[in-house]
């Protein structure tokens, strides 16, 4: 997967998790299916308790394009 695909998937998962919090799991599963998330990923995410799902802010990629030159300089 490339970064764009990963970011889109992360956004769709976030929306599905928020949908579960607001409307129950059946609505979230319906949304995830309509959004095109793989069933295996949906089942993995929804098998976790709500407090055990990683927050979007904990993701390594936060939408900013990393400057690889700074990392190389050390």
PDB file of N, CA and C in Angstrom:
ATOM      1  N   UNK A   1       0.834  -1.186   0.000  1.00  0.00           N
ATOM      2  CA  UNK A   1       0.000   0.000   0.000  1.00  0.00           C
ATOM      3  C   UNK A   1       0.874   1.243   0.000  1.00  0.00           C
ATOM      4  N   UNK A   2       0.387   2.248  -0.655  1.00  0.00           N
ATOM      5  CA  UNK A   2       1.116   3.509  -0.604  1.00  0.00           C
ATOM      6  C   UNK A   2       0.537   4.389   0.504  1.00  0.00           C
ATOM      7  N   UNK A   3       1.185   5.499   0.740  1.00  0.00           N
ATOM      8  CA  UNK A   3       0.788   6.371   1.853  1.00  0.00           C
ATOM      9  C   UNK A   3      -0.631   6.893   1.687  1.00  0.00           C
ATOM     10  N   UNK A   4      -1.017   7.237   0.457  1.00  0.00           N
ATOM     11  CA  UNK A   4      -2.366   7.764   0.228  1.00  0.00           C
ATOM     12  C   UNK A   4      -3.421   6.715   0.567  1.00  0.00           C
ATOM     13  N   UNK A   5      -3.197   5.486   0.165  1.00  0.00           N
ATOM     14  CA  UNK A   5      -4.144   4.419   0.472  1.00  0.00           C
ATOM     15  C   UNK A   5      -4.220   4.191   1.974  1.00  0.00           C
ATOM     16  N   UNK A   6      -3.067   4.188   2.640  1.00  0.00           N
ATOM     17  CA  UNK A   6      -3.054   3.996   4.089  1.00  0.00           C
ATOM     18  C   UNK A   6      -3.808   5.113   4.801  1.00  0.00           C
ATOM     19  N   UNK A   7      -3.610   6.340   4.365  1.00  0.00           N
ATOM     20  CA  UNK A   7      -4.280   7.482   4.992  1.00  0.00           C
ATOM     21  C   UNK A   7      -5.788   7.401   4.787  1.00  0.00           C
ATOM     22  N   UNK A   8      -6.209   7.024   3.594  1.00  0.00           N
ATOM     23  CA  UNK A   8      -7.652   6.906   3.327  1.00  0.00           C
ATOM     24  C   UNK A   8      -8.259   5.803   4.181  1.00  0.00           C
ATOM     25  N   UNK A   9      -7.568   4.676   4.279  1.00  0.00           N
ATOM     26  CA  UNK A   9      -8.058   3.577   5.105  1.00  0.00           C
ATOM     27  C   UNK A   9      -8.162   4.011   6.560  1.00  0.00           C
ATOM     28  N   UNK A  10      -7.154   4.726   7.050  1.00  0.00           N
ATOM     29  CA  UNK A  10      -7.177   5.204   8.433  1.00  0.00           C
ATOM     30  C   UNK A  10      -8.363   6.136   8.667  1.00  0.00           C
ATOM     31  N   UNK A  11      -8.633   7.002   7.716  1.00  0.00           N
ATOM     32  CA  UNK A  11      -9.770   7.914   7.850  1.00  0.00           C
ATOM     33  C   UNK A  11     -11.090   7.144   7.876  1.00  0.00           C
ATOM     34  N   UNK A  12     -11.220   6.149   7.010  1.00  0.00           N
ATOM     35  CA  UNK A  12     -12.450   5.358   6.981  1.00  0.00           C
ATOM     36  C   UNK A  12     -12.633   4.575   8.276  1.00  0.00           C
ATOM     37  N   UNK A  13     -11.553   4.040   8.818  1.00  0.00           N
ATOM     38  CA  UNK A  13     -11.623   3.320  10.095  1.00  0.00           C
ATOM     39  C   UNK A  13     -12.030   4.282  11.208  1.00  0.00           C
ATOM     40  N   UNK A  14     -11.445   5.474  11.219  1.00  0.00           N
ATOM     41  CA  UNK A  14     -11.809   6.465  12.234  1.00  0.00           C
ATOM     42  C   UNK A  14     -13.296   6.791  12.181  1.00  0.00           C
ATOM     43  N   UNK A  15     -13.813   6.972  10.972  1.00  0.00           N
ATOM     44  CA  UNK A  15     -15.241   7.279  10.827  1.00  0.00           C
ATOM     45  C   UNK A  15     -16.090   6.103  11.303  1.00  0.00           C
ATOM     46  N   UNK A  16     -15.676   4.893  10.979  1.00  0.00           N
ATOM     47  CA  UNK A  16     -16.419   3.710  11.425  1.00  0.00           C
ATOM     48  C   UNK A  16     -16.419   3.607  12.950  1.00  0.00           C
ATOM     49  N   UNK A  17     -15.288   3.908  13.577  1.00  0.00           N
ATOM     50  CA  UNK A  17     -15.198   3.855  15.040  1.00  0.00           C
ATOM     51  C   UNK A  17     -16.097   4.930  15.663  1.00  0.00           C
ATOM     52  N   UNK A  18     -16.092   6.128  15.089  1.00  0.00           N
ATOM     53  CA  UNK A  18     -16.967   7.187  15.588  1.00  0.00           C
ATOM     54  C   UNK A  18     -18.439   6.828  15.373  1.00  0.00           C
ATOM     55  N   UNK A  19     -18.732   6.171  14.259  1.00  0.00           N
ATOM     56  CA  UNK A  19     -20.101   5.735  13.995  1.00  0.00           C
ATOM     57  C   UNK A  19     -20.538   4.712  15.029  1.00  0.00           C
ATOM     58  N   UNK A  20     -19.628   3.798  15.398  1.00  0.00           N
ATOM     59  CA  UNK A  20     -19.967   2.810  16.431  1.00  0.00           C
ATOM     60  C   UNK A  20     -20.255   3.496  17.755  1.00  0.00           C
ATOM     61  N   UNK A  21     -19.470   4.510  18.098  1.00  0.00           N
ATOM     62  CA  UNK A  21     -19.679   5.221  19.359  1.00  0.00           C
ATOM     63  C   UNK A  21     -21.012   5.967  19.377  1.00  0.00           C
ATOM     64  N   UNK A  22     -21.419   6.470  18.219  1.00  0.00           N
ATOM     65  CA  UNK A  22     -22.642   7.264  18.157  1.00  0.00           C
ATOM     66  C   UNK A  22     -23.901   6.434  17.931  1.00  0.00           C
ATOM     67  N   UNK A  23     -23.794   5.376  17.112  1.00  0.00           N
ATOM     68  CA  UNK A  23     -25.012   4.693  16.659  1.00  0.00           C
ATOM     69  C   UNK A  23     -25.059   3.190  16.891  1.00  0.00           C
ATOM     70  N   UNK A  24     -24.095   2.606  17.517  1.00  0.00           N
ATOM     71  CA  UNK A  24     -24.004   1.167  17.762  1.00  0.00           C
ATOM     72  C   UNK A  24     -23.219   0.466  16.659  1.00  0.00           C
ATOM     73  N   UNK A  25     -22.849  -0.751  16.949  1.00  0.00           N
ATOM     74  CA  UNK A  25     -21.946  -1.483  16.064  1.00  0.00           C
ATOM     75  C   UNK A  25     -22.570  -1.859  14.731  1.00  0.00           C
ATOM     76  N   UNK A  26     -23.844  -2.187  14.697  1.00  0.00           N
ATOM     77  CA  UNK A  26     -24.445  -2.598  13.413  1.00  0.00           C
ATOM     78  C   UNK A  26     -24.393  -1.467  12.388  1.00  0.00           C
ATOM     79  N   UNK A  27     -24.611  -0.235  12.828  1.00  0.00           N
ATOM     80  CA  UNK A  27     -24.522   0.906  11.905  1.00  0.00           C
ATOM     81  C   UNK A  27     -23.084   1.121  11.443  1.00  0.00           C
ATOM     82  N   UNK A  28     -22.138   0.919  12.349  1.00  0.00           N
ATOM     83  CA  UNK A  28     -20.726   1.083  11.997  1.00  0.00           C
ATOM     84  C   UNK A  28     -20.286   0.007  11.003  1.00  0.00           C
ATOM     85  N   UNK A  29     -20.748  -1.213  11.181  1.00  0.00           N
ATOM     86  CA  UNK A  29     -20.401  -2.277  10.243  1.00  0.00           C
ATOM     87  C   UNK A  29     -21.021  -2.019   8.876  1.00  0.00           C
ATOM     88  N   UNK A  30     -22.220  -1.497   8.860  1.00  0.00           N
ATOM     89  CA  UNK A  30     -22.858  -1.169   7.582  1.00  0.00           C
ATOM     90  C   UNK A  30     -22.067  -0.059   6.877  1.00  0.00           C
ATOM     91  N   UNK A  31     -21.661   0.966   7.629  1.00  0.00           N
ATOM     92  CA  UNK A  31     -20.861   2.043   7.042  1.00  0.00           C
ATOM     93  C   UNK A  31     -19.541   1.495   6.493  1.00  0.00           C
ATOM     94  N   UNK A  32     -18.858   0.672   7.286  1.00  0.00           N
ATOM     95  CA  UNK A  32     -17.558   0.135   6.872  1.00  0.00           C
ATOM     96  C   UNK A  32     -17.690  -0.661   5.574  1.00  0.00           C
ATOM     97  N   UNK A  33     -18.760  -1.442   5.451  1.00  0.00           N
ATOM     98  CA  UNK A  33     -18.984  -2.207   4.231  1.00  0.00           C
ATOM     99  C   UNK A  33     -19.233  -1.311   3.036  1.00  0.00           C
ATOM    100  N   UNK A  34     -20.051  -0.278   3.231  1.00  0.00           N
ATOM    101  CA  UNK A  34     -20.346   0.650   2.145  1.00  0.00           C
ATOM    102  C   UNK A  34     -19.123   1.485   1.768  1.00  0.00           C
ATOM    103  N   UNK A  35     -18.241   1.736   2.744  1.00  0.00           N
ATOM    104  CA  UNK A  35     -17.040   2.524   2.483  1.00  0.00           C
ATOM    105  C   UNK A  35     -15.960   1.708   1.780  1.00  0.00           C
ATOM    106  N   UNK A  36     -16.134   0.391   1.756  1.00  0.00           N
ATOM    107  CA  UNK A  36     -15.178  -0.455   1.054  1.00  0.00           C
ATOM    108  C   UNK A  36     -14.053  -0.994   1.917  1.00  0.00           C
ATOM    109  N   UNK A  37     -14.206  -0.916   3.237  1.00  0.00           N
ATOM    110  CA  UNK A  37     -13.181  -1.494   4.108  1.00  0.00           C
ATOM    111  C   UNK A  37     -13.254  -3.017   4.034  1.00  0.00           C
ATOM    112  N   UNK A  38     -12.107  -3.690   4.031  1.00  0.00           N
ATOM    113  CA  UNK A  38     -12.122  -5.152   3.998  1.00  0.00           C
ATOM    114  C   UNK A  38     -12.813  -5.717   5.248  1.00  0.00           C
ATOM    115  N   UNK A  39     -13.578  -6.780   5.066  1.00  0.00           N
ATOM    116  CA  UNK A  39     -14.286  -7.394   6.188  1.00  0.00           C
ATOM    117  C   UNK A  39     -13.340  -7.847   7.290  1.00  0.00           C
ATOM    118  N   UNK A  40     -12.178  -8.365   6.904  1.00  0.00           N
ATOM    119  CA  UNK A  40     -11.227  -8.837   7.924  1.00  0.00           C
ATOM    120  C   UNK A  40     -10.744  -7.675   8.795  1.00  0.00           C
ATOM    121  N   UNK A  41     -10.502  -6.514   8.201  1.00  0.00           N
ATOM    122  CA  UNK A  41     -10.074  -5.349   8.971  1.00  0.00           C
ATOM    123  C   UNK A  41     -11.209  -4.861   9.871  1.00  0.00           C
ATOM    124  N   UNK A  42     -12.408  -4.828   9.332  1.00  0.00           N
ATOM    125  CA  UNK A  42     -13.559  -4.392  10.119  1.00  0.00           C
ATOM    126  C   UNK A  42     -13.762  -5.289  11.329  1.00  0.00           C
ATOM    127  N   UNK A  43     -13.683  -6.589  11.129  1.00  0.00           N
ATOM    128  CA  UNK A  43     -13.862  -7.520  12.244  1.00  0.00           C
ATOM    129  C   UNK A  43     -12.762  -7.360  13.281  1.00  0.00           C
ATOM    130  N   UNK A  44     -11.525  -7.144  12.814  1.00  0.00           N
ATOM    131  CA  UNK A  44     -10.405  -6.961  13.743  1.00  0.00           C
ATOM    132  C   UNK A  44     -10.604  -5.708  14.595  1.00  0.00           C
ATOM    133  N   UNK A  45     -10.999  -4.621  13.967  1.00  0.00           N
ATOM    134  CA  UNK A  45     -11.197  -3.363  14.692  1.00  0.00           C
ATOM    135  C   UNK A  45     -12.359  -3.481  15.680  1.00  0.00           C
ATOM    136  N   UNK A  46     -13.486  -4.026  15.231  1.00  0.00           N
ATOM    137  CA  UNK A  46     -14.658  -4.083  16.096  1.00  0.00           C
ATOM    138  C   UNK A  46     -14.595  -5.195  17.138  1.00  0.00           C
ATOM    139  N   UNK A  47     -13.625  -6.073  17.044  1.00  0.00           N
ATOM    140  CA  UNK A  47     -13.474  -7.077  18.089  1.00  0.00           C
ATOM    141  C   UNK A  47     -12.786  -6.496  19.320  1.00  0.00           C
ATOM    142  N   UNK A  48     -12.183  -5.328  19.172  1.00  0.00           N
ATOM    143  CA  UNK A  48     -11.512  -4.665  20.292  1.00  0.00           C
ATOM    144  C   UNK A  48     -12.522  -3.833  21.082  1.00  0.00           C
ATOM    145  N   UNK A  49     -12.310  -3.752  22.397  1.00  0.00           N
ATOM    146  CA  UNK A  49     -13.171  -2.859  23.186  1.00  0.00           C
ATOM    147  C   UNK A  49     -12.932  -1.405  22.771  1.00  0.00           C
ATOM    148  N   UNK A  50     -13.913  -0.538  22.915  1.00  0.00           N
ATOM    149  CA  UNK A  50     -13.748   0.854  22.474  1.00  0.00           C
ATOM    150  C   UNK A  50     -12.513   1.554  23.047  1.00  0.00           C
ATOM    151  N   UNK A  51     -12.138   1.257  24.260  1.00  0.00           N
ATOM    152  CA  UNK A  51     -10.980   1.905  24.867  1.00  0.00           C
ATOM    153  C   UNK A  51      -9.647   1.363  24.407  1.00  0.00           C
ATOM    154  N   UNK A  52      -9.648   0.299  23.642  1.00  0.00           N
ATOM    155  CA  UNK A  52      -8.409  -0.336  23.191  1.00  0.00           C
ATOM    156  C   UNK A  52      -8.090  -0.072  21.726  1.00  0.00           C
ATOM    157  N   UNK A  53      -8.780   0.881  21.121  1.00  0.00           N
ATOM    158  CA  UNK A  53      -8.512   1.244  19.733  1.00  0.00           C
ATOM    159  C   UNK A  53      -7.606   2.468  19.741  1.00  0.00           C
ATOM    160  N   UNK A  54      -6.552   2.402  18.964  1.00  0.00           N
ATOM    161  CA  UNK A  54      -5.570   3.481  18.938  1.00  0.00           C
ATOM    162  C   UNK A  54      -6.208   4.777  18.461  1.00  0.00           C
ATOM    163  N   UNK A  55      -5.847   5.859  19.094  1.00  0.00           N
ATOM    164  CA  UNK A  55      -6.340   7.173  18.709  1.00  0.00           C
ATOM    165  C   UNK A  55      -5.643   7.635  17.437  1.00  0.00           C
ATOM    166  N   UNK A  56      -6.325   8.415  16.589  1.00  0.00           N
ATOM    167  CA  UNK A  56      -5.674   8.914  15.370  1.00  0.00           C
ATOM    168  C   UNK A  56      -4.405   9.697  15.651  1.00  0.00           C
ATOM    169  N   UNK A  57      -4.344  10.404  16.776  1.00  0.00           N
ATOM    170  CA  UNK A  57      -3.161  11.194  17.092  1.00  0.00           C
ATOM    171  C   UNK A  57      -1.954  10.318  17.410  1.00  0.00           C
ATOM    172  N   UNK A  58      -2.177   9.036  17.673  1.00  0.00           N
ATOM    173  CA  UNK A  58      -1.074   8.132  17.981  1.00  0.00           C
ATOM    174  C   UNK A  58      -0.422   7.574  16.723  1.00  0.00           C
ATOM    175  N   UNK A  59      -1.021   7.846  15.573  1.00  0.00           N
ATOM    176  CA  UNK A  59      -0.475   7.342  14.314  1.00  0.00           C
ATOM    177  C   UNK A  59       0.839   8.043  13.993  1.00  0.00           C
ATOM    178  N   UNK A  60       1.732   7.320  13.353  1.00  0.00           N
ATOM    179  CA  UNK A  60       3.026   7.879  12.986  1.00  0.00           C
ATOM    180  C   UNK A  60       2.852   8.992  11.964  1.00  0.00           C
ATOM    181  N   UNK A  61       2.009   8.770  10.987  1.00  0.00           N
ATOM    182  CA  UNK A  61       1.797   9.751   9.920  1.00  0.00           C
ATOM    183  C   UNK A  61       0.623  10.635  10.292  1.00  0.00           C
ATOM    184  N   UNK A  62       0.861  11.920  10.465  1.00  0.00           N
ATOM    185  CA  UNK A  62      -0.186  12.832  10.893  1.00  0.00           C
ATOM    186  C   UNK A  62      -0.689  13.744   9.775  1.00  0.00           C
ATOM    187  N   UNK A  63      -0.336  13.434   8.531  1.00  0.00           N
ATOM    188  CA  UNK A  63      -0.782  14.234   7.415  1.00  0.00           C
ATOM    189  C   UNK A  63       0.280  15.187   6.904  1.00  0.00           C
ATOM    190  N   UNK A  64       1.286  15.453   7.720  1.00  0.00           N
ATOM    191  CA  UNK A  64       2.368  16.332   7.280  1.00  0.00           C
ATOM    192  C   UNK A  64       3.382  15.524   6.477  1.00  0.00           C
ATOM    193  N   UNK A  65       3.923  16.147   5.470  1.00  0.00           N
ATOM    194  CA  UNK A  65       4.943  15.479   4.666  1.00  0.00           C
ATOM    195  C   UNK A  65       6.267  15.563   5.418  1.00  0.00           C
ATOM    196  N   UNK A  66       6.868  14.413   5.749  1.00  0.00           N
ATOM    197  CA  UNK A  66       8.110  14.451   6.515  1.00  0.00           C
ATOM    198  C   UNK A  66       9.266  15.016   5.682  1.00  0.00           C
ATOM    199  N   UNK A  67      10.138  15.759   6.330  1.00  0.00           N
ATOM    200  CA  UNK A  67      11.324  16.307   5.676  1.00  0.00           C
ATOM    201  C   UNK A  67      12.470  15.342   5.928  1.00  0.00           C
ATOM    202  N   UNK A  68      12.779  14.525   4.943  1.00  0.00           N
ATOM    203  CA  UNK A  68      13.794  13.494   5.116  1.00  0.00           C
ATOM    204  C   UNK A  68      15.195  14.084   5.239  1.00  0.00           C
ATOM    205  N   UNK A  69      15.394  15.297   4.750  1.00  0.00           N
ATOM    206  CA  UNK A  69      16.724  15.922   4.852  1.00  0.00           C
ATOM    207  C   UNK A  69      17.057  16.199   6.311  1.00  0.00           C
ATOM    208  N   UNK A  70      16.099  16.623   7.096  1.00  0.00           N
ATOM    209  CA  UNK A  70      16.347  16.902   8.510  1.00  0.00           C
ATOM    210  C   UNK A  70      16.699  15.622   9.244  1.00  0.00           C
ATOM    211  N   UNK A  71      16.023  14.534   8.944  1.00  0.00           N
ATOM    212  CA  UNK A  71      16.312  13.279   9.616  1.00  0.00           C
ATOM    213  C   UNK A  71      17.702  12.769   9.262  1.00  0.00           C
ATOM    214  N   UNK A  72      18.154  13.013   8.057  1.00  0.00           N
ATOM    215  CA  UNK A  72      19.459  12.526   7.624  1.00  0.00           C
ATOM    216  C   UNK A  72      20.601  13.300   8.293  1.00  0.00           C
ATOM    217  N   UNK A  73      20.386  14.553   8.642  1.00  0.00           N
ATOM    218  CA  UNK A  73      21.430  15.348   9.262  1.00  0.00           C
ATOM    219  C   UNK A  73      21.693  14.936  10.705  1.00  0.00           C
ATOM    220  N   UNK A  74      20.678  14.365  11.322  1.00  0.00           N
ATOM    221  CA  UNK A  74      20.835  13.863  12.677  1.00  0.00           C
ATOM    222  C   UNK A  74      20.822  14.920  13.667  1.00  0.00           C
TER     223      UNK A  74
END
